[in-house]
């Protein structure tokens, strides 16, 4: 088994940048039960855990994994 380093996402901005999505998409994911934790005025997640959730729940928004030019 290969170990994967955790990649913490400490804000809405970091989640949006990591998955190249907008506020509405992240809000939908939270409503659908995505592993995103709300703490007071912030949200937190872990990249690999959130990615696994998205792969298990197809149709939860378009994710752009293309490289920046």
N, C-alpha and C. Protein backbone atom coordinates (compact mmCIF):
# COMPACT_ATOMS: atom_id res chain seq x y z
N UNK A 1 0.84 -1.17 0.00
CA UNK A 1 0.00 0.00 0.00
C UNK A 1 0.89 1.24 0.00
N UNK A 2 0.51 2.22 -0.78
CA UNK A 2 1.27 3.45 -0.88
C UNK A 2 0.67 4.52 0.03
N UNK A 3 1.51 5.18 0.78
CA UNK A 3 1.05 6.25 1.67
C UNK A 3 0.89 7.53 0.85
N UNK A 4 -0.13 8.29 1.17
CA UNK A 4 -0.38 9.56 0.51
C UNK A 4 -0.26 10.66 1.55
N UNK A 5 0.52 11.67 1.23
CA UNK A 5 0.69 12.80 2.15
C UNK A 5 -0.60 13.61 2.20
N UNK A 6 -1.06 13.95 3.40
CA UNK A 6 -2.25 14.80 3.50
C UNK A 6 -1.96 16.20 2.96
N UNK A 7 -2.97 16.76 2.32
CA UNK A 7 -2.87 18.12 1.79
C UNK A 7 -4.03 18.92 2.39
N UNK A 8 -3.78 19.59 3.51
CA UNK A 8 -4.86 20.34 4.14
C UNK A 8 -5.27 21.55 3.31
N UNK A 9 -6.57 21.80 3.30
CA UNK A 9 -7.13 22.98 2.65
C UNK A 9 -7.80 23.79 3.76
N UNK A 10 -7.27 24.96 4.05
CA UNK A 10 -7.67 25.72 5.23
C UNK A 10 -8.65 26.85 4.98
N UNK A 11 -9.19 26.94 3.77
CA UNK A 11 -10.12 28.02 3.49
C UNK A 11 -10.96 27.70 2.26
N UNK A 12 -12.04 28.44 2.10
CA UNK A 12 -12.87 28.32 0.91
C UNK A 12 -12.03 28.62 -0.32
N UNK A 13 -11.20 29.62 -0.23
CA UNK A 13 -10.34 29.99 -1.36
C UNK A 13 -9.42 28.84 -1.77
N UNK A 14 -8.82 28.17 -0.80
CA UNK A 14 -7.93 27.05 -1.12
C UNK A 14 -8.69 25.89 -1.76
N UNK A 15 -9.90 25.62 -1.27
CA UNK A 15 -10.72 24.54 -1.87
C UNK A 15 -11.07 24.91 -3.30
N UNK A 16 -11.52 26.15 -3.51
CA UNK A 16 -11.88 26.60 -4.85
C UNK A 16 -10.70 26.54 -5.80
N UNK A 17 -9.53 26.97 -5.35
CA UNK A 17 -8.34 26.94 -6.20
C UNK A 17 -7.89 25.51 -6.51
N UNK A 18 -7.94 24.64 -5.50
CA UNK A 18 -7.47 23.27 -5.69
C UNK A 18 -8.30 22.53 -6.73
N UNK A 19 -9.61 22.81 -6.75
CA UNK A 19 -10.51 22.09 -7.65
C UNK A 19 -11.04 22.96 -8.79
N UNK A 20 -10.59 24.20 -8.83
CA UNK A 20 -10.97 25.14 -9.88
C UNK A 20 -12.49 25.22 -10.05
N UNK A 21 -13.15 25.51 -8.94
CA UNK A 21 -14.60 25.65 -8.91
C UNK A 21 -14.96 26.95 -8.20
N UNK A 22 -16.24 27.30 -8.24
CA UNK A 22 -16.70 28.53 -7.61
C UNK A 22 -17.40 28.29 -6.28
N UNK A 23 -17.85 29.39 -5.69
CA UNK A 23 -18.54 29.35 -4.40
C UNK A 23 -19.76 28.44 -4.42
N UNK A 24 -20.57 28.55 -5.48
CA UNK A 24 -21.80 27.77 -5.56
C UNK A 24 -21.51 26.27 -5.56
N UNK A 25 -20.48 25.87 -6.27
CA UNK A 25 -20.14 24.44 -6.34
C UNK A 25 -19.73 23.93 -4.96
N UNK A 26 -18.89 24.68 -4.27
CA UNK A 26 -18.46 24.24 -2.93
C UNK A 26 -19.66 24.19 -1.99
N UNK A 27 -20.55 25.17 -2.08
CA UNK A 27 -21.76 25.18 -1.24
C UNK A 27 -22.62 23.94 -1.52
N UNK A 28 -22.74 23.56 -2.79
CA UNK A 28 -23.48 22.35 -3.15
C UNK A 28 -22.82 21.11 -2.56
N UNK A 29 -21.49 21.05 -2.64
CA UNK A 29 -20.78 19.90 -2.08
C UNK A 29 -21.04 19.78 -0.59
N UNK A 30 -21.02 20.91 0.12
CA UNK A 30 -21.26 20.90 1.56
C UNK A 30 -22.67 20.38 1.85
N UNK A 31 -23.65 20.86 1.09
CA UNK A 31 -25.04 20.40 1.26
C UNK A 31 -25.18 18.91 1.00
N UNK A 32 -24.38 18.39 0.05
CA UNK A 32 -24.46 16.98 -0.32
C UNK A 32 -23.68 16.08 0.64
N UNK A 33 -22.99 16.67 1.61
CA UNK A 33 -22.27 15.87 2.59
C UNK A 33 -20.79 15.67 2.33
N UNK A 34 -20.21 16.53 1.51
CA UNK A 34 -18.77 16.43 1.24
C UNK A 34 -17.98 16.58 2.54
N UNK A 35 -16.81 15.98 2.61
CA UNK A 35 -15.98 16.09 3.81
C UNK A 35 -15.32 17.46 3.94
N UNK A 36 -16.18 18.46 4.13
CA UNK A 36 -15.74 19.83 4.33
C UNK A 36 -16.33 20.27 5.66
N UNK A 37 -15.48 20.76 6.54
CA UNK A 37 -15.91 21.14 7.89
C UNK A 37 -16.02 22.65 7.98
N UNK A 38 -17.16 23.11 8.49
CA UNK A 38 -17.35 24.55 8.76
C UNK A 38 -16.99 24.82 10.21
N UNK A 39 -16.10 25.77 10.43
CA UNK A 39 -15.72 26.20 11.77
C UNK A 39 -15.86 27.72 11.83
N UNK A 40 -16.85 28.20 12.55
CA UNK A 40 -17.14 29.63 12.66
C UNK A 40 -17.26 30.23 11.26
N UNK A 41 -16.33 31.07 10.86
CA UNK A 41 -16.40 31.75 9.57
C UNK A 41 -15.46 31.15 8.52
N UNK A 42 -15.05 29.91 8.70
CA UNK A 42 -14.14 29.30 7.73
C UNK A 42 -14.54 27.87 7.44
N UNK A 43 -13.95 27.33 6.40
CA UNK A 43 -14.16 25.92 6.05
C UNK A 43 -12.80 25.25 5.92
N UNK A 44 -12.78 23.95 6.17
CA UNK A 44 -11.54 23.18 6.10
C UNK A 44 -11.83 21.83 5.47
N UNK A 45 -10.85 21.30 4.76
CA UNK A 45 -10.97 19.97 4.18
C UNK A 45 -9.57 19.43 3.96
N UNK A 46 -9.50 18.26 3.38
CA UNK A 46 -8.23 17.64 3.02
C UNK A 46 -8.36 17.21 1.57
N UNK A 47 -7.42 17.61 0.74
CA UNK A 47 -7.51 17.42 -0.71
C UNK A 47 -7.83 15.98 -1.11
N UNK A 48 -7.06 15.02 -0.63
CA UNK A 48 -7.24 13.63 -1.06
C UNK A 48 -8.58 13.06 -0.62
N UNK A 49 -9.03 13.42 0.58
CA UNK A 49 -10.32 12.96 1.09
C UNK A 49 -11.45 13.56 0.26
N UNK A 50 -11.35 14.86 -0.04
CA UNK A 50 -12.38 15.51 -0.84
C UNK A 50 -12.38 14.97 -2.27
N UNK A 51 -11.21 14.75 -2.84
CA UNK A 51 -11.12 14.17 -4.19
C UNK A 51 -11.76 12.79 -4.22
N UNK A 52 -11.47 11.97 -3.23
CA UNK A 52 -12.07 10.62 -3.18
C UNK A 52 -13.58 10.73 -3.11
N UNK A 53 -14.10 11.66 -2.30
CA UNK A 53 -15.54 11.85 -2.20
C UNK A 53 -16.13 12.25 -3.55
N UNK A 54 -15.47 13.17 -4.25
CA UNK A 54 -15.95 13.62 -5.55
C UNK A 54 -15.96 12.47 -6.56
N UNK A 55 -14.95 11.64 -6.53
CA UNK A 55 -14.89 10.50 -7.46
C UNK A 55 -15.96 9.47 -7.15
N UNK A 56 -16.37 9.37 -5.90
CA UNK A 56 -17.44 8.45 -5.50
C UNK A 56 -18.83 9.02 -5.78
N UNK A 57 -18.91 10.32 -6.03
CA UNK A 57 -20.18 11.01 -6.26
C UNK A 57 -20.12 11.75 -7.60
N UNK A 58 -20.18 11.03 -8.71
CA UNK A 58 -20.09 11.69 -10.01
C UNK A 58 -21.21 12.70 -10.21
N UNK A 59 -20.93 13.70 -11.00
CA UNK A 59 -21.93 14.72 -11.29
C UNK A 59 -21.99 15.82 -10.26
N UNK A 60 -21.00 15.92 -9.40
CA UNK A 60 -21.00 16.94 -8.34
C UNK A 60 -20.25 18.19 -8.78
N UNK A 61 -20.25 18.46 -10.05
CA UNK A 61 -19.58 19.66 -10.57
C UNK A 61 -18.40 19.28 -11.42
N UNK A 62 -18.10 20.13 -12.35
CA UNK A 62 -16.95 19.92 -13.23
C UNK A 62 -15.67 20.32 -12.52
N UNK A 63 -14.68 19.46 -12.58
CA UNK A 63 -13.39 19.75 -11.97
C UNK A 63 -12.38 19.86 -13.08
N UNK A 64 -11.62 20.92 -13.10
CA UNK A 64 -10.63 21.18 -14.15
C UNK A 64 -9.25 20.86 -13.62
N UNK A 65 -8.67 19.75 -14.08
CA UNK A 65 -7.34 19.36 -13.62
C UNK A 65 -6.26 19.71 -14.65
N UNK A 66 -6.61 20.52 -15.64
CA UNK A 66 -5.62 20.90 -16.64
C UNK A 66 -4.56 21.81 -16.04
N UNK A 67 -3.41 21.80 -16.64
CA UNK A 67 -2.30 22.63 -16.17
C UNK A 67 -2.54 24.07 -16.58
N UNK A 68 -2.08 25.01 -15.72
CA UNK A 68 -2.14 26.43 -16.08
C UNK A 68 -1.16 26.70 -17.20
N UNK A 69 -1.52 27.60 -18.08
CA UNK A 69 -0.59 27.97 -19.17
C UNK A 69 0.32 29.09 -18.75
